[in-house]
PDB file of N, CA and C in Angstrom:
ATOM      1  N   UNK A   1     132.456  -0.857-114.031  1.00  0.00           N
ATOM      2  CA  UNK A   1     132.879   0.128-115.657  1.00  0.00           C
ATOM      3  C   UNK A   1     132.272  -0.454-116.434  1.00  0.00           C
ATOM      4  N   UNK A   2     131.002   1.075-117.247  1.00  0.00           N
ATOM      5  CA  UNK A   2     130.502   0.251-118.177  1.00  0.00           C
ATOM      6  C   UNK A   2     131.378  -0.182-119.288  1.00  0.00           C
ATOM      7  N   UNK A   3     130.733  -0.843-120.623  1.00  0.00           N
ATOM      8  CA  UNK A   3     131.715  -1.237-121.264  1.00  0.00           C
ATOM      9  C   UNK A   3     131.851   0.179-122.558  1.00  0.00           C
ATOM     10  N   UNK A   4     132.535  -0.687-123.542  1.00  0.00           N
ATOM     11  CA  UNK A   4     132.959   0.975-124.952  1.00  0.00           C
ATOM     12  C   UNK A   4     131.270   1.237-125.130  1.00  0.00           C
ATOM     13  N   UNK A   5     130.672   0.026-125.208  1.00  0.00           N
ATOM     14  CA  UNK A   5     128.939   0.766-125.838  1.00  0.00           C
ATOM     15  C   UNK A   5     128.248   1.183-124.921  1.00  0.00           C
ATOM     16  N   UNK A   6     128.945   0.818-123.176  1.00  0.00           N
ATOM     17  CA  UNK A   6     128.061   2.105-122.524  1.00  0.00           C
ATOM     18  C   UNK A   6     127.192   0.280-121.977  1.00  0.00           C
ATOM     19  N   UNK A   7     127.622  -0.544-122.399  1.00  0.00           N
ATOM     20  CA  UNK A   7     126.446  -1.501-121.170  1.00  0.00           C
ATOM     21  C   UNK A   7     127.303  -1.911-119.795  1.00  0.00           C
ATOM     22  N   UNK A   8     126.368  -1.844-119.299  1.00  0.00           N
ATOM     23  CA  UNK A   8     126.852  -1.636-117.969  1.00  0.00           C
ATOM     24  C   UNK A   8     127.141  -3.421-117.415  1.00  0.00           C
ATOM     25  N   UNK A   9     127.917  -3.385-116.845  1.00  0.00           N
ATOM     26  CA  UNK A   9     127.759  -5.079-116.489  1.00  0.00           C
ATOM     27  C   UNK A   9     127.149  -5.447-115.082  1.00  0.00           C
ATOM     28  N   UNK A  10     126.085  -7.128-115.251  1.00  0.00           N
ATOM     29  CA  UNK A  10     125.547  -7.477-114.632  1.00  0.00           C
ATOM     30  C   UNK A  10     125.312  -6.890-113.122  1.00  0.00           C
ATOM     31  N   UNK A  11     126.628  -6.699-112.100  1.00  0.00           N
ATOM     32  CA  UNK A  11     127.174  -6.359-110.936  1.00  0.00           C
ATOM     33  C   UNK A  11     126.978  -5.036-110.857  1.00  0.00           C
ATOM     34  N   UNK A  12     126.797  -4.250-111.972  1.00  0.00           N
ATOM     35  CA  UNK A  12     126.550  -2.707-111.962  1.00  0.00           C
ATOM     36  C   UNK A  12     125.172  -2.413-112.315  1.00  0.00           C
ATOM     37  N   UNK A  13     124.475  -3.055-112.716  1.00  0.00           N
ATOM     38  CA  UNK A  13     122.737  -2.914-113.454  1.00  0.00           C
ATOM     39  C   UNK A  13     122.681  -2.046-111.236  1.00  0.00           C
ATOM     40  N   UNK A  14     122.192  -0.940-112.019  1.00  0.00           N
ATOM     41  CA  UNK A  14     121.125  -1.259-110.253  1.00  0.00           C
ATOM     42  C   UNK A  14     119.917  -0.904-110.740  1.00  0.00           C
ATOM     43  N   UNK A  15     119.054  -1.203-109.862  1.00  0.00           N
ATOM     44  CA  UNK A  15     117.531  -1.449-109.825  1.00  0.00           C
ATOM     45  C   UNK A  15     116.674  -0.589-109.288  1.00  0.00           C
ATOM     46  N   UNK A  16     117.084   1.479-108.878  1.00  0.00           N
ATOM     47  CA  UNK A  16     116.736   2.010-109.279  1.00  0.00           C
ATOM     48  C   UNK A  16     116.635   2.765-110.272  1.00  0.00           C
ATOM     49  N   UNK A  17     118.651   2.884-111.116  1.00  0.00           N
ATOM     50  CA  UNK A  17     117.460   2.980-112.549  1.00  0.00           C
ATOM     51  C   UNK A  17     117.715   2.181-113.583  1.00  0.00           C
ATOM     52  N   UNK A  18     117.308   0.693-113.239  1.00  0.00           N
ATOM     53  CA  UNK A  18     116.028   0.188-114.242  1.00  0.00           C
ATOM     54  C   UNK A  18     114.482  -0.076-113.798  1.00  0.00           C
ATOM     55  N   UNK A  19     114.195   0.469-112.893  1.00  0.00           N
ATOM     56  CA  UNK A  19     112.110   1.156-112.643  1.00  0.00           C
ATOM     57  C   UNK A  19     112.283   2.878-113.247  1.00  0.00           C
ATOM     58  N   UNK A  20     113.526   3.569-113.187  1.00  0.00           N
ATOM     59  CA  UNK A  20     113.658   4.619-113.456  1.00  0.00           C
ATOM     60  C   UNK A  20     113.072   4.556-115.370  1.00  0.00           C
ATOM     61  N   UNK A  21     114.172   4.018-115.939  1.00  0.00           N
ATOM     62  CA  UNK A  21     114.323   3.369-116.972  1.00  0.00           C
ATOM     63  C   UNK A  21     112.340   2.839-117.687  1.00  0.00           C
ATOM     64  N   UNK A  22     112.193   2.245-116.842  1.00  0.00           N
ATOM     65  CA  UNK A  22     110.381   1.127-117.036  1.00  0.00           C
ATOM     66  C   UNK A  22     109.768   2.512-116.761  1.00  0.00           C
ATOM     67  N   UNK A  23     109.543   3.412-115.912  1.00  0.00           N
ATOM     68  CA  UNK A  23     109.020   3.990-115.144  1.00  0.00           C
ATOM     69  C   UNK A  23     108.017   4.493-117.178  1.00  0.00           C
ATOM     70  N   UNK A  24     108.554   4.730-117.794  1.00  0.00           N
ATOM     71  CA  UNK A  24     108.872   5.843-119.361  1.00  0.00           C
ATOM     72  C   UNK A  24     107.703   4.670-119.531  1.00  0.00           C
ATOM     73  N   UNK A  25     106.755   5.117-120.395  1.00  0.00           N
ATOM     74  CA  UNK A  25     105.467   3.749-121.325  1.00  0.00           C
ATOM     75  C   UNK A  25     106.229   3.149-122.480  1.00  0.00           C
ATOM     76  N   UNK A  26     107.468   4.333-123.038  1.00  0.00           N
ATOM     77  CA  UNK A  26     107.809   3.818-124.497  1.00  0.00           C
ATOM     78  C   UNK A  26     108.568   2.678-124.144  1.00  0.00           C
ATOM     79  N   UNK A  27     109.669   2.937-123.217  1.00  0.00           N
ATOM     80  CA  UNK A  27     110.192   2.221-123.518  1.00  0.00           C
ATOM     81  C   UNK A  27     110.312   0.571-121.929  1.00  0.00           C
ATOM     82  N   UNK A  28     108.837   1.279-121.251  1.00  0.00           N
ATOM     83  CA  UNK A  28     108.200  -0.009-121.305  1.00  0.00           C
ATOM     84  C   UNK A  28     107.860  -0.953-122.158  1.00  0.00           C
ATOM     85  N   UNK A  29     107.128  -0.212-123.546  1.00  0.00           N
ATOM     86  CA  UNK A  29     105.961  -0.895-124.250  1.00  0.00           C
ATOM     87  C   UNK A  29     107.597  -2.182-124.989  1.00  0.00           C
ATOM     88  N   UNK A  30     109.037  -0.680-125.102  1.00  0.00           N
ATOM     89  CA  UNK A  30     109.473  -1.405-126.051  1.00  0.00           C
ATOM     90  C   UNK A  30     110.507  -3.105-124.946  1.00  0.00           C
ATOM     91  N   UNK A  31     110.480  -2.906-124.027  1.00  0.00           N
ATOM     92  CA  UNK A  31     110.806  -4.211-123.137  1.00  0.00           C
ATOM     93  C   UNK A  31     109.677  -5.727-122.837  1.00  0.00           C
ATOM     94  N   UNK A  32     108.612  -4.925-122.866  1.00  0.00           N
ATOM     95  CA  UNK A  32     108.138  -5.408-123.683  1.00  0.00           C
ATOM     96  C   UNK A  32     107.216  -6.690-124.336  1.00  0.00           C
ATOM     97  N   UNK A  33     107.823  -5.326-124.982  1.00  0.00           N
ATOM     98  CA  UNK A  33     107.783  -6.715-126.894  1.00  0.00           C
ATOM     99  C   UNK A  33     109.231  -7.318-126.650  1.00  0.00           C
ATOM    100  N   UNK A  34     110.320  -7.280-126.426  1.00  0.00           N
ATOM    101  CA  UNK A  34     111.486  -8.083-126.821  1.00  0.00           C
ATOM    102  C   UNK A  34     110.900  -9.232-125.848  1.00  0.00           C
ATOM    103  N   UNK A  35     110.576  -8.923-124.810  1.00  0.00           N
ATOM    104  CA  UNK A  35     109.796 -10.031-123.704  1.00  0.00           C
ATOM    105  C   UNK A  35     108.951 -11.168-125.079  1.00  0.00           C
ATOM    106  N   UNK A  36     108.272 -10.552-125.623  1.00  0.00           N
ATOM    107  CA  UNK A  36     107.857 -11.776-127.196  1.00  0.00           C
ATOM    108  C   UNK A  36     108.265 -12.552-127.341  1.00  0.00           C
ATOM    109  N   UNK A  37     109.287 -11.337-127.382  1.00  0.00           N
ATOM    110  CA  UNK A  37     109.827 -11.796-129.035  1.00  0.00           C
ATOM    111  C   UNK A  37     110.955 -13.615-128.596  1.00  0.00           C
ATOM    112  N   UNK A  38     111.661 -13.927-129.010  1.00  0.00           N
ATOM    113  CA  UNK A  38     112.377 -15.456-128.918  1.00  0.00           C
ATOM    114  C   UNK A  38     113.655 -14.816-128.243  1.00  0.00           C
ATOM    115  N   UNK A  39     113.879 -15.635-127.596  1.00  0.00           N
ATOM    116  CA  UNK A  39     114.766 -15.384-127.102  1.00  0.00           C
ATOM    117  C   UNK A  39     116.406 -15.259-127.795  1.00  0.00           C
ATOM    118  N   UNK A  40     117.222 -14.083-127.559  1.00  0.00           N
ATOM    119  CA  UNK A  40     118.431 -12.927-128.222  1.00  0.00           C
ATOM    120  C   UNK A  40     117.892 -12.394-129.782  1.00  0.00           C
ATOM    121  N   UNK A  41     116.347 -12.377-129.967  1.00  0.00           N
ATOM    122  CA  UNK A  41     116.319 -11.795-130.588  1.00  0.00           C
ATOM    123  C   UNK A  41     116.233 -10.419-131.133  1.00  0.00           C
ATOM    124  N   UNK A  42     117.133 -10.253-132.165  1.00  0.00           N
ATOM    125  CA  UNK A  42     117.569  -8.306-131.608  1.00  0.00           C
ATOM    126  C   UNK A  42     116.514  -7.396-132.978  1.00  0.00           C
ATOM    127  N   UNK A  43     115.740  -6.482-132.379  1.00  0.00           N
ATOM    128  CA  UNK A  43     115.565  -5.205-133.308  1.00  0.00           C
ATOM    129  C   UNK A  43     116.247  -4.371-133.479  1.00  0.00           C
ATOM    130  N   UNK A  44     115.912  -3.737-134.840  1.00  0.00           N
ATOM    131  CA  UNK A  44     116.488  -2.212-134.658  1.00  0.00           C
ATOM    132  C   UNK A  44     115.317  -1.559-134.025  1.00  0.00           C
ATOM    133  N   UNK A  45     115.787  -0.234-133.488  1.00  0.00           N
ATOM    134  CA  UNK A  45     115.175   0.498-133.115  1.00  0.00           C
ATOM    135  C   UNK A  45     113.466   1.102-133.887  1.00  0.00           C
ATOM    136  N   UNK A  46     114.092   1.898-135.069  1.00  0.00           N
ATOM    137  CA  UNK A  46     112.514   1.388-136.032  1.00  0.00           C
ATOM    138  C   UNK A  46     111.898   0.625-136.160  1.00  0.00           C
ATOM    139  N   UNK A  47     112.428  -0.754-135.754  1.00  0.00           N
ATOM    140  CA  UNK A  47     111.222  -1.011-136.045  1.00  0.00           C
ATOM    141  C   UNK A  47     109.873  -1.540-134.903  1.00  0.00           C
ATOM    142  N   UNK A  48     109.937  -0.518-134.065  1.00  0.00           N
ATOM    143  CA  UNK A  48     109.438  -0.509-132.776  1.00  0.00           C
ATOM    144  C   UNK A  48     108.058   0.353-133.119  1.00  0.00           C
ATOM    145  N   UNK A  49     108.212   1.738-134.106  1.00  0.00           N
ATOM    146  CA  UNK A  49     107.183   2.217-134.931  1.00  0.00           C
ATOM    147  C   UNK A  49     106.671   3.626-133.485  1.00  0.00           C
ATOM    148  N   UNK A  50     107.872   3.881-132.793  1.00  0.00           N
ATOM    149  CA  UNK A  50     107.162   4.993-131.720  1.00  0.00           C
ATOM    150  C   UNK A  50     107.195   6.257-132.323  1.00  0.00           C
ATOM    151  N   UNK A  51     106.217   7.074-131.917  1.00  0.00           N
ATOM    152  CA  UNK A  51     105.400   8.260-132.311  1.00  0.00           C
ATOM    153  C   UNK A  51     106.870   9.289-131.332  1.00  0.00           C
ATOM    154  N   UNK A  52     107.692   8.794-131.924  1.00  0.00           N
ATOM    155  CA  UNK A  52     108.321   9.797-131.722  1.00  0.00           C
ATOM    156  C   UNK A  52     109.749  10.817-132.848  1.00  0.00           C
ATOM    157  N   UNK A  53     109.763  11.585-132.057  1.00  0.00           N
ATOM    158  CA  UNK A  53     111.120  12.386-134.149  1.00  0.00           C
ATOM    159  C   UNK A  53     112.559  11.256-133.049  1.00  0.00           C
ATOM    160  N   UNK A  54     113.603  11.319-134.130  1.00  0.00           N
ATOM    161  CA  UNK A  54     114.782  10.187-133.763  1.00  0.00           C
ATOM    162  C   UNK A  54     115.496  10.448-133.103  1.00  0.00           C
ATOM    163  N   UNK A  55     115.900  11.776-132.578  1.00  0.00           N
ATOM    164  CA  UNK A  55     116.914  12.218-131.612  1.00  0.00           C
ATOM    165  C   UNK A  55     116.132  11.500-130.027  1.00  0.00           C
ATOM    166  N   UNK A  56     114.658  11.132-130.494  1.00  0.00           N
ATOM    167  CA  UNK A  56     114.305  11.235-128.843  1.00  0.00           C
ATOM    168  C   UNK A  56     114.127   9.928-128.699  1.00  0.00           C
ATOM    169  N   UNK A  57     114.206   8.859-130.449  1.00  0.00           N
ATOM    170  CA  UNK A  57     113.877   7.938-130.187  1.00  0.00           C
ATOM    171  C   UNK A  57     115.165   7.237-129.013  1.00  0.00           C
ATOM    172  N   UNK A  58     116.801   7.896-130.611  1.00  0.00           N
ATOM    173  CA  UNK A  58     117.977   8.015-129.324  1.00  0.00           C
ATOM    174  C   UNK A  58     118.073   8.054-128.101  1.00  0.00           C
ATOM    175  N   UNK A  59     117.520   9.355-127.357  1.00  0.00           N
ATOM    176  CA  UNK A  59     118.172   9.225-125.689  1.00  0.00           C
ATOM    177  C   UNK A  59     116.921   7.664-125.569  1.00  0.00           C
ATOM    178  N   UNK A  60     115.919   7.762-125.615  1.00  0.00           N
ATOM    179  CA  UNK A  60     115.355   6.713-124.860  1.00  0.00           C
ATOM    180  C   UNK A  60     115.639   5.186-125.298  1.00  0.00           C
ATOM    181  N   UNK A  61     116.506   4.833-126.218  1.00  0.00           N
ATOM    182  CA  UNK A  61     117.026   3.487-125.992  1.00  0.00           C
ATOM    183  C   UNK A  61     118.335   3.644-125.624  1.00  0.00           C
ATOM    184  N   UNK A  62     119.381   4.368-125.764  1.00  0.00           N
ATOM    185  CA  UNK A  62     120.432   5.027-124.363  1.00  0.00           C
ATOM    186  C   UNK A  62     120.265   4.919-122.829  1.00  0.00           C
ATOM    187  N   UNK A  63     118.877   5.464-123.163  1.00  0.00           N
ATOM    188  CA  UNK A  63     118.169   5.641-121.208  1.00  0.00           C
ATOM    189  C   UNK A  63     118.728   3.083-121.074  1.00  0.00           C
ATOM    190  N   UNK A  64     117.235   2.780-121.790  1.00  0.00           N
ATOM    191  CA  UNK A  64     118.051   1.508-122.152  1.00  0.00           C
ATOM    192  C   UNK A  64     119.086   0.418-121.907  1.00  0.00           C
ATOM    193  N   UNK A  65     119.329   1.997-122.217  1.00  0.00           N
ATOM    194  CA  UNK A  65     121.750   0.659-123.081  1.00  0.00           C
ATOM    195  C   UNK A  65     121.951   0.780-121.633  1.00  0.00           C
ATOM    196  N   UNK A  66     122.054   2.067-120.827  1.00  0.00           N
ATOM    197  CA  UNK A  66     122.983   2.624-120.071  1.00  0.00           C
ATOM    198  C   UNK A  66     122.063   1.833-118.164  1.00  0.00           C
ATOM    199  N   UNK A  67     120.774   1.242-118.798  1.00  0.00           N
ATOM    200  CA  UNK A  67     120.577   1.110-116.650  1.00  0.00           C
ATOM    201  C   UNK A  67     120.804  -1.064-117.866  1.00  0.00           C
ATOM    202  N   UNK A  68     120.769  -1.253-117.988  1.00  0.00           N
ATOM    203  CA  UNK A  68     121.378  -2.590-118.645  1.00  0.00           C
ATOM    204  C   UNK A  68     120.182  -3.376-119.212  1.00  0.00           C
ATOM    205  N   UNK A  69     118.955  -3.002-119.568  1.00  0.00           N
ATOM    206  CA  UNK A  69     117.979  -3.857-120.115  1.00  0.00           C
ATOM    207  C   UNK A  69     117.844  -4.345-121.497  1.00  0.00           C
ATOM    208  N   UNK A  70     118.623  -3.581-122.223  1.00  0.00           N
ATOM    209  CA  UNK A  70     119.144  -3.858-123.387  1.00  0.00           C
ATOM    210  C   UNK A  70     120.704  -3.378-124.108  1.00  0.00           C
ATOM    211  N   UNK A  71     120.779  -5.012-125.181  1.00  0.00           N
ATOM    212  CA  UNK A  71     122.426  -4.685-125.494  1.00  0.00           C
ATOM    213  C   UNK A  71     122.073  -3.818-127.264  1.00  0.00           C
ATOM    214  N   UNK A  72     122.853  -3.153-127.234  1.00  0.00           N
ATOM    215  CA  UNK A  72     122.949  -2.473-128.464  1.00  0.00           C
ATOM    216  C   UNK A  72     124.109  -3.246-129.199  1.00  0.00           C
ATOM    217  N   UNK A  73     123.583  -3.480-130.538  1.00  0.00           N
ATOM    218  CA  UNK A  73     124.774  -3.407-131.912  1.00  0.00           C
ATOM    219  C   UNK A  73     124.657  -2.536-132.727  1.00  0.00           C
ATOM    220  N   UNK A  74     125.468  -2.569-133.879  1.00  0.00           N
ATOM    221  CA  UNK A  74     125.393  -1.329-134.711  1.00  0.00           C
ATOM    222  C   UNK A  74     125.470  -2.513-135.441  1.00  0.00           C
ATOM    223  N   UNK A  75     124.825  -2.261-136.881  1.00  0.00           N
ATOM    224  CA  UNK A  75     124.539  -3.584-137.534  1.00  0.00           C
ATOM    225  C   UNK A  75     124.113  -2.199-138.697  1.00  0.00           C
ATOM    226  N   UNK A  76     125.675  -2.074-139.813  1.00  0.00           N
ATOM    227  CA  UNK A  76     125.437  -0.861-140.465  1.00  0.00           C
ATOM    228  C   UNK A  76     125.023   0.551-140.012  1.00  0.00           C
ATOM    229  N   UNK A  77     124.235   0.831-140.740  1.00  0.00           N
ATOM    230  CA  UNK A  77     123.786   2.736-140.091  1.00  0.00           C
ATOM    231  C   UNK A  77     122.451   2.795-139.471  1.00  0.00           C
ATOM    232  N   UNK A  78     122.695   1.527-138.559  1.00  0.00           N
ATOM    233  CA  UNK A  78     121.420   1.150-137.626  1.00  0.00           C
ATOM    234  C   UNK A  78     121.905   0.382-136.621  1.00  0.00           C
ATOM    235  N   UNK A  79     120.856   0.426-135.310  1.00  0.00           N
ATOM    236  CA  UNK A  79     121.433  -0.873-133.744  1.00  0.00           C
ATOM    237  C   UNK A  79     120.429  -1.080-133.895  1.00  0.00           C
ATOM    238  N   UNK A  80     120.943  -2.757-133.764  1.00  0.00           N
ATOM    239  CA  UNK A  80     119.573  -4.291-133.399  1.00  0.00           C
ATOM    240  C   UNK A  80     120.188  -3.516-131.551  1.00  0.00           C
ATOM    241  N   UNK A  81     118.543  -4.362-130.750  1.00  0.00           N
ATOM    242  CA  UNK A  81     118.491  -4.027-129.852  1.00  0.00           C
ATOM    243  C   UNK A  81     118.143  -5.459-129.350  1.00  0.00           C
ATOM    244  N   UNK A  82     118.836  -6.006-128.472  1.00  0.00           N
ATOM    245  CA  UNK A  82     118.526  -8.020-128.065  1.00  0.00           C
ATOM    246  C   UNK A  82     118.547  -6.883-126.156  1.00  0.00           C
ATOM    247  N   UNK A  83     116.829  -7.565-125.359  1.00  0.00           N
ATOM    248  CA  UNK A  83     116.628  -7.534-124.002  1.00  0.00           C
ATOM    249  C   UNK A  83     118.223  -8.962-123.586  1.00  0.00           C
ATOM    250  N   UNK A  84     117.826  -8.326-122.813  1.00  0.00           N
ATOM    251  CA  UNK A  84     119.493  -8.503-121.306  1.00  0.00           C
ATOM    252  C   UNK A  84     119.047 -10.120-120.166  1.00  0.00           C
ATOM    253  N   UNK A  85     118.050 -10.800-120.717  1.00  0.00           N
ATOM    254  CA  UNK A  85     117.323 -11.457-120.182  1.00  0.00           C
ATOM    255  C   UNK A  85     118.151 -12.230-118.676  1.00  0.00           C
ATOM    256  N   UNK A  86     119.011 -13.233-120.033  1.00  0.00           N
ATOM    257  CA  UNK A  86     119.811 -14.017-118.707  1.00  0.00           C
ATOM    258  C   UNK A  86     120.888 -13.211-117.088  1.00  0.00           C
ATOM    259  N   UNK A  87     121.034 -11.729-117.906  1.00  0.00           N
ATOM    260  CA  UNK A  87     121.549 -10.633-116.541  1.00  0.00           C
ATOM    261  C   UNK A  87     120.854 -10.255-115.498  1.00  0.00           C
ATOM    262  N   UNK A  88     119.382  -9.874-116.661  1.00  0.00           N
ATOM    263  CA  UNK A  88     118.207  -9.416-115.780  1.00  0.00           C
ATOM    264  C   UNK A  88     117.533 -10.267-114.665  1.00  0.00           C
ATOM    265  N   UNK A  89     117.783 -11.638-115.083  1.00  0.00           N
ATOM    266  CA  UNK A  89     117.804 -12.818-114.261  1.00  0.00           C
ATOM    267  C   UNK A  89     117.985 -13.089-112.957  1.00  0.00           C
ATOM    268  N   UNK A  90     119.623 -12.894-113.169  1.00  0.00           N
ATOM    269  CA  UNK A  90     120.088 -12.481-112.343  1.00  0.00           C
ATOM    270  C   UNK A  90     120.698 -12.120-111.279  1.00  0.00           C
ATOM    271  N   UNK A  91     120.417 -10.191-112.066  1.00  0.00           N
ATOM    272  CA  UNK A  91     120.411  -9.487-110.555  1.00  0.00           C
ATOM    273  C   UNK A  91     119.025  -9.511-110.230  1.00  0.00           C
ATOM    274  N   UNK A  92     117.915  -9.171-111.406  1.00  0.00           N
ATOM    275  CA  UNK A  92     116.859  -9.043-110.060  1.00  0.00           C
ATOM    276  C   UNK A  92     115.496 -10.287-110.063  1.00  0.00           C
ATOM    277  N   UNK A  93     116.215 -11.400-110.052  1.00  0.00           N
ATOM    278  CA  UNK A  93     114.850 -12.666-110.669  1.00  0.00           C
ATOM    279  C   UNK A  93     113.380 -11.899-110.590  1.00  0.00           C
ATOM    280  N   UNK A  94     112.814 -12.164-111.074  1.00  0.00           N
ATOM    281  CA  UNK A  94     111.502 -12.376-111.011  1.00  0.00           C
ATOM    282  C   UNK A  94     111.000 -10.810-111.759  1.00  0.00           C
ATOM    283  N   UNK A  95     111.655 -10.386-111.779  1.00  0.00           N
ATOM    284  CA  UNK A  95     110.775  -8.729-112.579  1.00  0.00           C
ATOM    285  C   UNK A  95     110.873  -8.595-113.831  1.00  0.00           C
ATOM    286  N   UNK A  96     111.932  -9.722-114.951  1.00  0.00           N
ATOM    287  CA  UNK A  96     111.061  -9.659-116.393  1.00  0.00           C
ATOM    288  C   UNK A  96     109.522 -10.272-116.165  1.00  0.00           C
ATOM    289  N   UNK A  97     109.933 -11.418-114.995  1.00  0.00           N
ATOM    290  CA  UNK A  97     108.285 -12.723-114.855  1.00  0.00           C
ATOM    291  C   UNK A  97     107.205 -10.942-115.336  1.00  0.00           C
ATOM    292  N   UNK A  98     107.347 -10.205-113.741  1.00  0.00           N
ATOM    293  CA  UNK A  98     106.447  -9.457-113.327  1.00  0.00           C
ATOM    294  C   UNK A  98     106.434  -8.275-114.913  1.00  0.00           C
ATOM    295  N   UNK A  99     106.638  -7.330-115.538  1.00  0.00           N
ATOM    296  CA  UNK A  99     106.890  -7.070-117.241  1.00  0.00           C
ATOM    297  C   UNK A  99     105.913  -8.160-117.868  1.00  0.00           C
ATOM    298  N   UNK A 100     106.243  -8.806-117.942  1.00  0.00           N
ATOM    299  CA  UNK A 100     105.479 -10.095-118.609  1.00  0.00           C
ATOM    300  C   UNK A 100     103.903 -10.095-118.546  1.00  0.00           C
ATOM    301  N   UNK A 101     103.633 -10.515-116.731  1.00  0.00           N
ATOM    302  CA  UNK A 101     102.869 -10.142-116.878  1.00  0.00           C
ATOM    303  C   UNK A 101     101.862  -9.608-116.776  1.00  0.00           C
ATOM    304  N   UNK A 102     101.938  -8.142-116.626  1.00  0.00           N
ATOM    305  CA  UNK A 102     101.571  -6.803-117.133  1.00  0.00           C
ATOM    306  C   UNK A 102     100.757  -6.352-118.150  1.00  0.00           C
ATOM    307  N   UNK A 103     102.220  -7.458-119.184  1.00  0.00           N
ATOM    308  CA  UNK A 103     101.660  -6.256-120.499  1.00  0.00           C
ATOM    309  C   UNK A 103     100.744  -7.334-121.493  1.00  0.00           C
TER     310      UNK A 103
END
């Protein structure tokens, strides 16, 4: 069962859901950008400068969070996203390497 913020546990991550989240070019770009950041780096949603409305931005980050690709933490009036590298490497070994190689 996902936690109170909607983050699934590592064992609950589903490959089809993760691949569905990565199928969107904007969400794929967010994951690729987080991969280029240092381990544990956190970025606000707005820092990605995605060319979408605020409500669409919220939707994209909800999909990323609920699939297990990112963890979001409230920071006052914004949310910071971090890539769940360790969890993803444990659950789907090599997946992030493929994204990194493609970026």
